[in-house]
Structure formats: C-alpha cells, structure tokens
C-alpha cells in the first residue's frame, strides 16, 4: 500500500513538473474587423464625429435673398417675385462641352421632377475672358448689345450671384431665396436633391 501511495505521489509530481516546464500555447488575438471609417459605439449611431466625404468644393448650399434689382431680366423677375416659382437660373457657354452636359442633366432632372422648377438660361460665353494666370472675369457687354443680353450679364456680375465660370447654376425657392449655387459639372443626384428641396 505504501508503494502505491509513493507511486501516485511520484506520478503527480512528475506531471506537475512537466506542466510547469512547458509554456502554454500562445494566445491568438482576434482579428479586428475591417475599418469602415465610422466611429464605434453610441457616437456612431448618433452620427457624432463622422465625416461625410466632401464631394466637391463647388457645391454651395446657401440661403440668401435673390437680388431683385432694376436691371433684372423681366422673365426672371416675373418668376421669382410674382409667380413665386422655384427656378433654375443657368449661365452657360454653348461652345463648351461641360455646359452642354450640364444642360442635359438639368433637362433630365426637370423631366423626372415635372413642374417642380422652371428654367431660365443665359448664354454669357462671349463675355467670359481668361487671363494668363488662369483667372476668369466677366466683361461688360458692349454699348450696342441687346437689353436682354446686358441684363443677363449684369445679373451674372451681381455679387450675390458672382458668375466667374460657366456652366453656373443658381436655384431659387418659392420665397425668392437663393438656396443653391454651383459652378462646373454637377452631380445629377445633388442637382435633383436641390430641385426637390426648392419645391418644399
């Protein structure tokens, strides 16, 4: 019996010593999920600290009164001050491919959102001049130009509009406020969103 007890003690000591001498298997850290760019936790659900991508520096959501001046083109004045009709004012250069593309986008959005906004378009291409340093300026129309052309250029030069490049879009709402301005090629989804916002 004594031999059995000694044998059991010796066996347990051997197992204990062998367990101490071998190192435990290395713990593997769980692989983190791929980052989505959003914050984790309650702030992410609330949208705090999440940055939306800046898709264009040319997109300007604003809210300012439309400049109703004495020289405002009569058709535009009627739509904004009398009819209270949300309107897209489009300044363009017909020789410019981008202007042609933007006009197609405008027509497509208006067709899909029929009756929401009117369109007034002004060809000011021949009055835009580019300097050697790349800056663009809008020249005054010549003395003999038609009144409608002069009015369109003066409107484009108004500081509240400030057209320095074509194509250029201004959107007004039913209260006669500018709610959106954009220069250059526009994203169709952004344009449609602003058209629908103008009609509210």
N, C-alpha and C. Protein backbone atom coordinates (compact mmCIF):
# COMPACT_ATOMS: atom_id res chain seq x y z
N UNK A 1 0.82 -1.18 0.00
CA UNK A 1 0.00 0.00 0.00
C UNK A 1 0.87 1.25 0.00
N UNK A 2 1.93 1.19 0.84
CA UNK A 2 2.83 2.33 0.89
C UNK A 2 3.47 2.57 -0.47
N UNK A 3 3.81 1.49 -1.18
CA UNK A 3 4.39 1.66 -2.52
C UNK A 3 3.42 2.32 -3.49
N UNK A 4 2.15 1.98 -3.38
CA UNK A 4 1.13 2.56 -4.25
C UNK A 4 1.00 4.05 -4.01
N UNK A 5 1.00 4.45 -2.72
CA UNK A 5 0.89 5.88 -2.40
C UNK A 5 2.12 6.62 -2.90
N UNK A 6 3.29 6.05 -2.70
CA UNK A 6 4.53 6.70 -3.17
C UNK A 6 4.51 6.82 -4.68
N UNK A 7 4.04 5.77 -5.35
CA UNK A 7 3.98 5.79 -6.81
C UNK A 7 3.03 6.87 -7.31
N UNK A 8 1.89 7.01 -6.63
CA UNK A 8 0.93 8.05 -7.02
C UNK A 8 1.51 9.44 -6.79
N UNK A 9 2.18 9.65 -5.67
CA UNK A 9 2.79 10.97 -5.39
C UNK A 9 3.87 11.27 -6.41
N UNK A 10 4.68 10.29 -6.72
CA UNK A 10 5.75 10.49 -7.69
C UNK A 10 5.17 10.81 -9.07
N UNK A 11 4.08 10.13 -9.43
CA UNK A 11 3.45 10.38 -10.74
C UNK A 11 2.85 11.78 -10.81
N UNK A 12 2.21 12.19 -9.69
CA UNK A 12 1.61 13.54 -9.70
C UNK A 12 2.67 14.62 -9.73
N UNK A 13 3.80 14.41 -9.02
CA UNK A 13 4.90 15.38 -9.07
C UNK A 13 5.48 15.47 -10.47
N UNK A 14 5.62 14.33 -11.12
CA UNK A 14 6.16 14.31 -12.48
C UNK A 14 5.26 15.09 -13.43
N UNK A 15 3.95 14.87 -13.28
CA UNK A 15 3.01 15.59 -14.15
C UNK A 15 3.04 17.09 -13.86
N UNK A 16 3.14 17.46 -12.58
CA UNK A 16 3.17 18.87 -12.21
C UNK A 16 4.41 19.55 -12.76
N UNK A 17 5.55 18.89 -12.60
CA UNK A 17 6.80 19.47 -13.10
C UNK A 17 6.80 19.57 -14.62
N UNK A 18 6.26 18.58 -15.28
CA UNK A 18 6.24 18.66 -16.75
C UNK A 18 5.28 19.75 -17.22
N UNK A 19 4.20 19.98 -16.46
CA UNK A 19 3.26 21.06 -16.81
C UNK A 19 3.87 22.42 -16.61
N UNK A 20 4.72 22.57 -15.60
CA UNK A 20 5.36 23.86 -15.34
C UNK A 20 6.44 24.17 -16.36
N UNK A 21 7.09 23.13 -16.83
CA UNK A 21 8.20 23.38 -17.74
C UNK A 21 7.75 23.73 -19.14
N UNK A 22 6.60 23.26 -19.55
CA UNK A 22 6.14 23.58 -20.91
C UNK A 22 5.36 24.88 -20.90
N UNK A 23 5.61 25.71 -21.88
CA UNK A 23 4.91 27.00 -21.94
C UNK A 23 3.54 26.82 -22.54
N UNK A 24 2.59 27.58 -22.06
CA UNK A 24 1.24 27.45 -22.62
C UNK A 24 1.20 27.92 -24.06
N UNK A 25 0.26 27.43 -24.82
CA UNK A 25 0.16 27.88 -26.21
C UNK A 25 -0.13 29.38 -26.26
N UNK A 26 0.51 30.02 -27.22
CA UNK A 26 0.36 31.48 -27.35
C UNK A 26 -1.09 31.81 -27.67
N UNK A 27 -1.59 32.81 -26.94
CA UNK A 27 -2.97 33.23 -27.20
C UNK A 27 -3.00 34.04 -28.48
N UNK A 28 -3.95 33.73 -29.32
CA UNK A 28 -4.07 34.47 -30.57
C UNK A 28 -5.11 35.55 -30.40
N UNK A 29 -4.69 36.78 -30.72
CA UNK A 29 -5.62 37.91 -30.61
C UNK A 29 -6.63 37.84 -31.75
N UNK A 30 -7.89 38.16 -31.45
CA UNK A 30 -8.88 38.12 -32.53
C UNK A 30 -8.56 39.17 -33.58
N UNK A 31 -8.76 38.83 -34.83
CA UNK A 31 -8.51 39.77 -35.92
C UNK A 31 -9.60 40.83 -35.91
N UNK A 32 -9.18 42.13 -35.85
CA UNK A 32 -10.20 43.18 -35.82
C UNK A 32 -10.96 43.22 -37.14
N UNK A 33 -12.24 43.60 -37.10
CA UNK A 33 -13.00 43.70 -38.35
C UNK A 33 -12.44 44.83 -39.19
N UNK A 34 -12.61 44.77 -40.50
CA UNK A 34 -12.12 45.85 -41.35
C UNK A 34 -12.78 47.16 -40.98
N UNK A 35 -11.96 48.22 -41.04
CA UNK A 35 -12.45 49.54 -40.64
C UNK A 35 -13.42 50.08 -41.68
N UNK A 36 -14.51 50.67 -41.21
CA UNK A 36 -15.49 51.28 -42.12
C UNK A 36 -15.33 52.78 -42.19
N UNK A 37 -14.41 53.33 -41.35
CA UNK A 37 -14.21 54.77 -41.34
C UNK A 37 -15.16 55.47 -40.42
N UNK A 38 -16.08 54.73 -39.74
CA UNK A 38 -17.03 55.34 -38.84
C UNK A 38 -16.61 55.08 -37.41
N UNK A 39 -17.00 55.93 -36.50
CA UNK A 39 -16.71 55.73 -35.10
C UNK A 39 -17.50 54.56 -34.58
N UNK A 40 -16.93 53.86 -33.56
CA UNK A 40 -17.64 52.77 -32.93
C UNK A 40 -18.42 53.31 -31.74
N UNK A 41 -19.44 52.58 -31.32
CA UNK A 41 -20.18 52.95 -30.12
C UNK A 41 -21.35 53.84 -30.40
N UNK A 42 -21.84 54.48 -29.31
CA UNK A 42 -23.07 55.24 -29.41
C UNK A 42 -22.91 56.49 -30.26
N UNK A 43 -21.69 57.05 -30.31
CA UNK A 43 -21.49 58.24 -31.14
C UNK A 43 -21.70 57.93 -32.60
N UNK A 44 -21.32 56.74 -33.03
CA UNK A 44 -21.51 56.39 -34.44
C UNK A 44 -22.97 56.34 -34.78
N UNK A 45 -23.78 55.79 -33.85
CA UNK A 45 -25.22 55.69 -34.12
C UNK A 45 -25.83 57.06 -34.20
N UNK A 46 -25.32 57.98 -33.42
CA UNK A 46 -25.87 59.33 -33.41
C UNK A 46 -25.30 60.18 -34.52
N UNK A 47 -24.25 59.69 -35.19
CA UNK A 47 -23.64 60.46 -36.27
C UNK A 47 -22.61 61.45 -35.79
N UNK A 48 -22.28 61.44 -34.49
CA UNK A 48 -21.32 62.40 -33.98
C UNK A 48 -19.92 62.00 -34.41
N UNK A 49 -19.18 62.95 -34.90
CA UNK A 49 -17.79 62.71 -35.25
C UNK A 49 -17.58 62.02 -36.58
N UNK A 50 -18.63 61.67 -37.29
CA UNK A 50 -18.46 61.02 -38.58
C UNK A 50 -18.38 62.10 -39.64
N UNK A 51 -17.39 61.98 -40.49
CA UNK A 51 -17.19 62.99 -41.53
C UNK A 51 -17.66 62.44 -42.86
N UNK A 52 -18.58 63.16 -43.49
CA UNK A 52 -19.03 62.78 -44.82
C UNK A 52 -18.00 63.27 -45.84
N UNK A 53 -17.82 62.55 -46.93
CA UNK A 53 -16.83 62.99 -47.90
C UNK A 53 -17.25 64.29 -48.56
N UNK A 54 -16.28 65.17 -48.78
CA UNK A 54 -16.54 66.42 -49.48
C UNK A 54 -16.45 66.13 -50.97
N UNK A 55 -17.60 66.01 -51.60
CA UNK A 55 -17.62 65.55 -52.99
C UNK A 55 -17.24 66.65 -53.97
N UNK A 56 -17.40 67.88 -53.60
CA UNK A 56 -16.98 68.97 -54.48
C UNK A 56 -16.92 70.27 -53.71
N UNK A 57 -15.87 71.02 -53.96
CA UNK A 57 -15.76 72.32 -53.31
C UNK A 57 -16.68 73.33 -53.97
N UNK A 58 -17.27 72.95 -55.09
CA UNK A 58 -18.12 73.89 -55.83
C UNK A 58 -19.57 73.86 -55.39
N UNK A 59 -19.93 72.94 -54.51
CA UNK A 59 -21.31 72.84 -54.08
C UNK A 59 -21.55 73.76 -52.90
N UNK A 60 -22.44 74.69 -53.06
CA UNK A 60 -22.69 75.67 -52.01
C UNK A 60 -24.17 75.72 -51.69
N UNK A 61 -24.54 75.16 -50.55
CA UNK A 61 -25.90 75.30 -50.09
C UNK A 61 -25.97 76.60 -49.31
N UNK A 62 -26.85 77.46 -49.71
CA UNK A 62 -26.91 78.79 -49.11
C UNK A 62 -28.37 79.17 -48.91
N UNK A 63 -28.60 80.28 -48.26
CA UNK A 63 -29.97 80.80 -48.10
C UNK A 63 -29.86 82.31 -48.01
N UNK A 64 -30.06 82.95 -49.14
CA UNK A 64 -29.92 84.41 -49.21
C UNK A 64 -30.95 84.95 -50.19
N UNK A 65 -31.44 86.16 -49.96
CA UNK A 65 -32.44 86.72 -50.89
C UNK A 65 -31.86 86.88 -52.30
N UNK A 66 -32.69 86.57 -53.28
CA UNK A 66 -32.26 86.78 -54.67
C UNK A 66 -32.21 88.29 -54.93
N UNK A 67 -31.16 88.77 -55.60
CA UNK A 67 -31.05 90.22 -55.82
C UNK A 67 -32.05 90.73 -56.86
N UNK A 68 -33.14 91.31 -56.40
CA UNK A 68 -34.15 91.86 -57.30
C UNK A 68 -33.80 93.33 -57.53
N UNK A 69 -33.11 93.59 -58.64
CA UNK A 69 -32.65 94.94 -58.96
C UNK A 69 -33.44 95.49 -60.15
N UNK A 70 -33.22 96.76 -60.41
CA UNK A 70 -33.94 97.41 -61.51
C UNK A 70 -33.61 96.78 -62.86
N UNK A 71 -32.39 96.26 -63.02
CA UNK A 71 -31.98 95.69 -64.30
C UNK A 71 -32.21 94.20 -64.42
N UNK A 72 -32.97 93.63 -63.51
CA UNK A 72 -33.22 92.18 -63.56
C UNK A 72 -34.03 91.83 -64.80
N UNK A 73 -33.64 90.77 -65.54
CA UNK A 73 -34.43 90.38 -66.71
C UNK A 73 -35.90 90.16 -66.35
N UNK A 74 -36.80 90.67 -67.20
CA UNK A 74 -38.23 90.68 -66.90
C UNK A 74 -38.79 89.27 -66.68
N UNK A 75 -38.36 88.30 -67.49
CA UNK A 75 -38.89 86.94 -67.35
C UNK A 75 -38.51 86.33 -66.00
N UNK A 76 -37.31 86.59 -65.56
CA UNK A 76 -36.86 86.06 -64.27
C UNK A 76 -37.54 86.79 -63.10
N UNK A 77 -37.70 88.09 -63.25
CA UNK A 77 -38.37 88.86 -62.20
C UNK A 77 -39.81 88.37 -62.00
N UNK A 78 -40.48 88.06 -63.08
CA UNK A 78 -41.85 87.55 -63.02
C UNK A 78 -41.91 86.24 -62.25
N UNK A 79 -40.99 85.32 -62.57
CA UNK A 79 -41.00 84.01 -61.92
C UNK A 79 -40.70 84.10 -60.43
N UNK A 80 -39.73 84.95 -60.06
CA UNK A 80 -39.27 84.98 -58.67
C UNK A 80 -40.17 85.83 -57.78
N UNK A 81 -40.56 87.02 -58.26
CA UNK A 81 -41.30 87.95 -57.38
C UNK A 81 -42.81 87.83 -57.50
N UNK A 82 -43.33 87.46 -58.67
CA UNK A 82 -44.79 87.42 -58.88
C UNK A 82 -45.32 85.98 -58.79
N UNK A 83 -44.75 85.09 -59.61
CA UNK A 83 -45.24 83.71 -59.64
C UNK A 83 -44.77 82.90 -58.44
N UNK A 84 -43.71 83.35 -57.77
CA UNK A 84 -43.13 82.62 -56.62
C UNK A 84 -42.79 81.19 -57.03
N UNK A 85 -42.21 81.06 -58.20
CA UNK A 85 -41.90 79.76 -58.77
C UNK A 85 -40.44 79.39 -58.52
N UNK A 86 -40.17 78.24 -57.88
CA UNK A 86 -38.77 77.79 -57.79
C UNK A 86 -38.16 77.73 -59.19
N UNK A 87 -36.93 78.21 -59.31
CA UNK A 87 -36.33 78.39 -60.64
C UNK A 87 -34.86 78.01 -60.64
N UNK A 88 -34.44 77.38 -61.72
CA UNK A 88 -33.02 77.18 -62.00
C UNK A 88 -32.60 78.28 -62.95
N UNK A 89 -31.60 79.07 -62.56
CA UNK A 89 -31.01 80.08 -63.44
C UNK A 89 -29.69 79.49 -63.92
N UNK A 90 -29.57 79.33 -65.22
CA UNK A 90 -28.43 78.63 -65.80
C UNK A 90 -27.63 79.56 -66.70
N UNK A 91 -26.37 79.81 -66.33
CA UNK A 91 -25.46 80.62 -67.13
C UNK A 91 -24.52 79.65 -67.85
N UNK A 92 -24.39 79.80 -69.17
CA UNK A 92 -23.64 78.80 -69.94
C UNK A 92 -22.91 79.42 -71.12
N UNK A 93 -22.02 78.60 -71.70
CA UNK A 93 -21.32 78.93 -72.93
C UNK A 93 -21.62 77.80 -73.90
N UNK A 94 -22.36 78.05 -74.97
CA UNK A 94 -22.77 76.96 -75.87
C UNK A 94 -21.60 76.24 -76.55
N UNK A 95 -20.42 76.88 -76.61
CA UNK A 95 -19.27 76.25 -77.24
C UNK A 95 -18.53 75.32 -76.28
N UNK A 96 -18.97 75.24 -75.05
CA UNK A 96 -18.28 74.48 -74.01
C UNK A 96 -18.97 73.12 -73.80
N UNK A 97 -18.21 72.03 -73.90
CA UNK A 97 -18.80 70.69 -73.75
C UNK A 97 -19.44 70.51 -72.38
N UNK A 98 -18.80 71.04 -71.34
CA UNK A 98 -19.35 70.88 -69.99
C UNK A 98 -20.70 71.56 -69.88
N UNK A 99 -20.86 72.72 -70.52
CA UNK A 99 -22.15 73.41 -70.50
C UNK A 99 -23.23 72.57 -71.16
N UNK A 100 -22.88 71.90 -72.24
CA UNK A 100 -23.84 71.04 -72.94
C UNK A 100 -24.24 69.87 -72.05
N UNK A 101 -23.25 69.27 -71.37
CA UNK A 101 -23.53 68.13 -70.48
C UNK A 101 -24.42 68.55 -69.31
N UNK A 102 -24.13 69.70 -68.72
CA UNK A 102 -24.93 70.17 -67.58
C UNK A 102 -26.35 70.46 -68.02
N UNK A 103 -26.53 71.01 -69.21
CA UNK A 103 -27.89 71.27 -69.71
C UNK A 103 -28.67 69.96 -69.86
N UNK A 104 -28.00 68.90 -70.32
CA UNK A 104 -28.67 67.60 -70.42
C UNK A 104 -29.10 67.10 -69.04
N UNK A 105 -28.23 67.29 -68.03
CA UNK A 105 -28.56 66.88 -66.67
C UNK A 105 -29.75 67.68 -66.13
N UNK A 106 -29.75 68.98 -66.39
CA UNK A 106 -30.86 69.83 -65.94
C UNK A 106 -32.16 69.36 -66.58
N UNK A 107 -32.14 69.14 -67.88
CA UNK A 107 -33.35 68.70 -68.58
C UNK A 107 -33.84 67.35 -68.07
N UNK A 108 -32.91 66.45 -67.77
CA UNK A 108 -33.27 65.13 -67.25
C UNK A 108 -33.91 65.23 -65.87
N UNK A 109 -33.32 66.03 -65.00
CA UNK A 109 -33.87 66.21 -63.64
C UNK A 109 -35.24 66.88 -63.70
N UNK A 110 -35.39 67.86 -64.55
CA UNK A 110 -36.69 68.54 -64.68
C UNK A 110 -37.76 67.59 -65.22
N UNK A 111 -37.37 66.71 -66.14
CA UNK A 111 -38.33 65.74 -66.69
C UNK A 111 -38.78 64.76 -65.62
N UNK A 112 -37.86 64.35 -64.76
CA UNK A 112 -38.19 63.40 -63.69
C UNK A 112 -38.93 64.06 -62.53
N UNK A 113 -38.85 65.38 -62.43
CA UNK A 113 -39.49 66.13 -61.35
C UNK A 113 -40.37 67.22 -61.97
N UNK A 114 -41.24 66.79 -62.85
CA UNK A 114 -42.04 67.71 -63.66
C UNK A 114 -42.84 68.69 -62.81
N UNK A 115 -42.71 69.97 -63.16
CA UNK A 115 -43.49 71.01 -62.51
C UNK A 115 -42.87 71.57 -61.24
N UNK A 116 -41.75 71.01 -60.79
CA UNK A 116 -41.16 71.49 -59.54
C UNK A 116 -40.40 72.80 -59.71
N UNK A 117 -39.65 72.93 -60.82
CA UNK A 117 -38.88 74.15 -61.05
C UNK A 117 -38.99 74.60 -62.50
N UNK A 118 -38.89 75.91 -62.69
CA UNK A 118 -38.76 76.48 -64.03
C UNK A 118 -37.28 76.62 -64.35
N UNK A 119 -36.99 76.89 -65.62
CA UNK A 119 -35.61 77.08 -66.06
C UNK A 119 -35.51 78.37 -66.86
N UNK A 120 -34.51 79.18 -66.50
CA UNK A 120 -34.16 80.36 -67.28
C UNK A 120 -32.67 80.24 -67.60
N UNK A 121 -32.31 80.27 -68.88
CA UNK A 121 -30.92 80.05 -69.28
C UNK A 121 -30.38 81.29 -70.00
N UNK A 122 -29.13 81.64 -69.69
CA UNK A 122 -28.48 82.81 -70.28
C UNK A 122 -27.13 82.42 -70.86
N UNK A 123 -26.94 82.71 -72.15
CA UNK A 123 -25.67 82.48 -72.83
C UNK A 123 -24.77 83.70 -72.58
N UNK A 124 -23.72 83.49 -71.76
CA UNK A 124 -22.79 84.59 -71.46
C UNK A 124 -21.37 84.24 -71.89
N UNK A 125 -21.24 83.21 -72.71
CA UNK A 125 -19.92 82.70 -73.09
C UNK A 125 -18.99 83.72 -73.67
N UNK A 126 -19.48 84.59 -74.53
CA UNK A 126 -18.56 85.52 -75.20
C UNK A 126 -18.10 86.65 -74.29
N UNK A 127 -18.66 86.75 -73.09
CA UNK A 127 -18.25 87.81 -72.17
C UNK A 127 -17.26 87.33 -71.12
N UNK A 128 -16.98 86.03 -71.09
CA UNK A 128 -16.01 85.49 -70.15
C UNK A 128 -14.63 85.48 -70.81
N UNK A 129 -13.65 86.04 -70.12
CA UNK A 129 -12.28 86.04 -70.63
C UNK A 129 -11.34 85.49 -69.57
N UNK A 130 -10.38 84.69 -70.01
CA UNK A 130 -9.41 84.09 -69.09
C UNK A 130 -8.07 84.80 -69.21
N UNK A 131 -7.50 85.17 -68.08
CA UNK A 131 -6.18 85.80 -68.05
C UNK A 131 -5.10 84.73 -68.11
N UNK A 132 -3.85 85.16 -68.27
CA UNK A 132 -2.72 84.23 -68.37
C UNK A 132 -2.54 83.42 -67.09
N UNK A 133 -2.92 83.99 -65.95
CA UNK A 133 -2.77 83.27 -64.67
C UNK A 133 -3.92 82.32 -64.39
N UNK A 134 -4.88 82.23 -65.31
CA UNK A 134 -5.99 81.30 -65.15
C UNK A 134 -7.24 81.90 -64.55
N UNK A 135 -7.17 83.14 -64.06
CA UNK A 135 -8.36 83.77 -63.50
C UNK A 135 -9.31 84.15 -64.63
N UNK A 136 -10.60 84.02 -64.33
CA UNK A 136 -11.64 84.30 -65.33
C UNK A 136 -12.42 85.53 -64.88
N UNK A 137 -12.71 86.40 -65.82
CA UNK A 137 -13.51 87.59 -65.49
C UNK A 137 -14.66 87.72 -66.49
N UNK A 138 -15.71 88.36 -66.03
CA UNK A 138 -16.90 88.56 -66.86
C UNK A 138 -16.92 90.02 -67.29
N UNK A 139 -16.77 90.25 -68.58
CA UNK A 139 -16.67 91.60 -69.12
C UNK A 139 -18.04 92.24 -69.26
N UNK A 140 -18.05 93.56 -69.27
CA UNK A 140 -19.28 94.31 -69.51
C UNK A 140 -19.68 94.15 -70.97
N UNK A 141 -20.98 94.05 -71.25
CA UNK A 141 -21.41 93.98 -72.66
C UNK A 141 -21.16 95.31 -73.36
N UNK A 142 -20.99 95.24 -74.67
CA UNK A 142 -20.74 96.45 -75.47
C UNK A 142 -21.98 97.33 -75.47
N UNK A 143 -21.78 98.59 -75.83
CA UNK A 143 -22.85 99.58 -75.79
C UNK A 143 -24.04 99.18 -76.65
N UNK A 144 -23.80 98.61 -77.81
CA UNK A 144 -24.88 98.29 -78.73
C UNK A 144 -25.58 96.96 -78.48
N UNK A 145 -25.23 96.24 -77.45
CA UNK A 145 -25.83 94.93 -77.19
C UNK A 145 -27.32 95.06 -76.84
N UNK A 146 -28.06 94.00 -77.11
CA UNK A 146 -29.49 93.97 -76.80
C UNK A 146 -29.70 94.09 -75.29
N UNK A 147 -30.82 94.66 -74.91
CA UNK A 147 -31.12 94.88 -73.49
C UNK A 147 -31.14 93.57 -72.70
N UNK A 148 -31.73 92.52 -73.26
CA UNK A 148 -31.82 91.24 -72.57
C UNK A 148 -30.43 90.68 -72.29
N UNK A 149 -29.49 90.85 -73.24
CA UNK A 149 -28.12 90.37 -73.05
C UNK A 149 -27.43 91.16 -71.95
N UNK A 150 -27.60 92.47 -71.97
CA UNK A 150 -26.99 93.31 -70.93
C UNK A 150 -27.52 92.93 -69.55
N UNK A 151 -28.81 92.71 -69.46
CA UNK A 151 -29.42 92.35 -68.18
C UNK A 151 -28.87 91.02 -67.66
N UNK A 152 -28.71 90.05 -68.56
CA UNK A 152 -28.19 88.74 -68.17
C UNK A 152 -26.76 88.85 -67.65
N UNK A 153 -25.93 89.64 -68.33
CA UNK A 153 -24.54 89.79 -67.91
C UNK A 153 -24.45 90.57 -66.60
N UNK A 154 -25.27 91.61 -66.46
CA UNK A 154 -25.27 92.37 -65.21
C UNK A 154 -25.73 91.49 -64.04
N UNK A 155 -26.70 90.62 -64.28
CA UNK A 155 -27.14 89.70 -63.25
C UNK A 155 -25.99 88.75 -62.87
N UNK A 156 -25.29 88.24 -63.87
CA UNK A 156 -24.17 87.32 -63.60
C UNK A 156 -23.05 88.02 -62.83
N UNK A 157 -22.89 89.33 -63.04
CA UNK A 157 -21.85 90.09 -62.34
C UNK A 157 -22.27 90.54 -60.94
N UNK A 158 -23.54 90.42 -60.62
CA UNK A 158 -24.02 90.84 -59.30
C UNK A 158 -23.26 90.05 -58.22
N UNK A 159 -22.78 90.71 -57.17
CA UNK A 159 -22.01 90.00 -56.13
C UNK A 159 -22.78 88.84 -55.47
N UNK A 160 -24.10 88.92 -55.44
CA UNK A 160 -24.89 87.83 -54.85
C UNK A 160 -24.89 86.58 -55.73
N UNK A 161 -24.63 86.77 -57.04
CA UNK A 161 -24.58 85.64 -57.97
C UNK A 161 -23.12 85.28 -58.25
N UNK A 162 -22.35 86.26 -58.74
CA UNK A 162 -20.90 86.14 -58.90
C UNK A 162 -20.48 84.98 -59.80
N UNK A 163 -20.90 85.05 -61.06
CA UNK A 163 -20.51 84.03 -62.03
C UNK A 163 -19.09 84.32 -62.51
N UNK A 164 -18.18 83.37 -62.28
CA UNK A 164 -16.80 83.52 -62.74
C UNK A 164 -16.40 82.37 -63.65
N UNK A 165 -17.33 81.49 -63.93
CA UNK A 165 -17.03 80.31 -64.73
C UNK A 165 -18.35 79.74 -65.23
N UNK A 166 -18.34 79.22 -66.44
CA UNK A 166 -19.53 78.51 -66.93
C UNK A 166 -19.19 77.03 -67.07
N UNK A 167 -20.16 76.16 -66.91
CA UNK A 167 -21.56 76.42 -66.56
C UNK A 167 -21.71 76.80 -65.09
N UNK A 168 -22.77 77.57 -64.82
CA UNK A 168 -23.03 78.05 -63.46
C UNK A 168 -24.53 77.97 -63.21
N UNK A 169 -24.89 77.36 -62.07
CA UNK A 169 -26.31 77.16 -61.73
C UNK A 169 -26.64 77.91 -60.45
N UNK A 170 -27.78 78.57 -60.45
CA UNK A 170 -28.35 79.16 -59.24
C UNK A 170 -29.77 78.62 -59.13
N UNK A 171 -30.15 78.16 -57.93
CA UNK A 171 -31.51 77.66 -57.72
C UNK A 171 -32.18 78.53 -56.67
N UNK A 172 -33.39 79.00 -56.99
CA UNK A 172 -34.19 79.77 -56.04
C UNK A 172 -35.41 78.97 -55.62
N UNK A 173 -35.89 79.26 -54.41
CA UNK A 173 -37.09 78.58 -53.93
C UNK A 173 -38.33 79.45 -54.15
N UNK A 174 -39.46 79.00 -53.63
CA UNK A 174 -40.71 79.73 -53.82
C UNK A 174 -40.82 81.02 -53.02
N UNK A 175 -39.87 81.28 -52.13
CA UNK A 175 -39.87 82.53 -51.37
C UNK A 175 -38.94 83.57 -51.97
N UNK A 176 -38.31 83.22 -53.09
CA UNK A 176 -37.39 84.15 -53.72
C UNK A 176 -36.01 84.16 -53.10
N UNK A 177 -35.62 83.06 -52.48
CA UNK A 177 -34.30 82.96 -51.87
C UNK A 177 -33.40 82.04 -52.70
N UNK A 178 -32.12 82.39 -52.77
CA UNK A 178 -31.13 81.51 -53.37
C UNK A 178 -30.86 80.39 -52.37
N UNK A 179 -31.06 79.15 -52.79
CA UNK A 179 -30.79 78.03 -51.89
C UNK A 179 -29.60 77.19 -52.33
N UNK A 180 -29.12 77.43 -53.58
CA UNK A 180 -28.01 76.60 -54.06
C UNK A 180 -27.32 77.29 -55.22
N UNK A 181 -25.98 77.22 -55.22
CA UNK A 181 -25.19 77.71 -56.35
C UNK A 181 -24.12 76.67 -56.66
N UNK A 182 -23.80 76.55 -57.95
CA UNK A 182 -22.80 75.56 -58.34
C UNK A 182 -22.15 76.00 -59.65
N UNK A 183 -20.82 75.82 -59.71
CA UNK A 183 -20.11 76.08 -60.96
C UNK A 183 -19.46 74.81 -61.45
N UNK A 184 -19.43 74.61 -62.74
CA UNK A 184 -18.81 73.43 -63.33
C UNK A 184 -19.78 72.26 -63.47
N UNK A 185 -19.22 71.10 -63.76
CA UNK A 185 -20.02 69.89 -63.93
C UNK A 185 -20.63 69.48 -62.60
N UNK A 186 -21.91 69.17 -62.62
CA UNK A 186 -22.63 68.87 -61.38
C UNK A 186 -23.01 67.41 -61.31
N UNK A 187 -23.09 66.89 -60.10
CA UNK A 187 -23.57 65.53 -59.86
C UNK A 187 -25.10 65.53 -59.98
N UNK A 188 -25.63 64.61 -60.77
CA UNK A 188 -27.08 64.61 -61.02
C UNK A 188 -27.89 64.43 -59.73
N UNK A 189 -27.43 63.55 -58.85
CA UNK A 189 -28.16 63.30 -57.60
C UNK A 189 -28.20 64.56 -56.74
N UNK A 190 -27.12 65.32 -56.71
CA UNK A 190 -27.09 66.56 -55.94
C UNK A 190 -28.07 67.57 -56.53
N UNK A 191 -28.07 67.68 -57.86
CA UNK A 191 -28.97 68.62 -58.52
C UNK A 191 -30.42 68.25 -58.23
N UNK A 192 -30.75 66.98 -58.33
CA UNK A 192 -32.13 66.55 -58.08
C UNK A 192 -32.54 66.82 -56.64
N UNK A 193 -31.63 66.59 -55.71
CA UNK A 193 -31.92 66.85 -54.30
C UNK A 193 -32.26 68.33 -54.09
N UNK A 194 -31.49 69.22 -54.72
CA UNK A 194 -31.73 70.66 -54.54
C UNK A 194 -33.00 71.12 -55.23
N UNK A 195 -33.32 70.52 -56.37
CA UNK A 195 -34.58 70.83 -57.06
C UNK A 195 -35.76 70.45 -56.18
N UNK A 196 -35.70 69.29 -55.57
CA UNK A 196 -36.79 68.85 -54.70
C UNK A 196 -36.86 69.70 -53.44
N UNK A 197 -35.72 70.13 -52.95
CA UNK A 197 -35.70 71.00 -51.77
C UNK A 197 -36.31 72.37 -52.09
N UNK A 198 -36.08 72.87 -53.31
CA UNK A 198 -36.60 74.17 -53.71
C UNK A 198 -38.11 74.19 -53.76
N UNK A 199 -38.70 73.03 -54.03
CA UNK A 199 -40.15 72.95 -54.20
C UNK A 199 -40.89 72.81 -52.86
N UNK A 200 -40.18 72.68 -51.76
CA UNK A 200 -40.84 72.46 -50.46
C UNK A 200 -41.23 73.77 -49.80
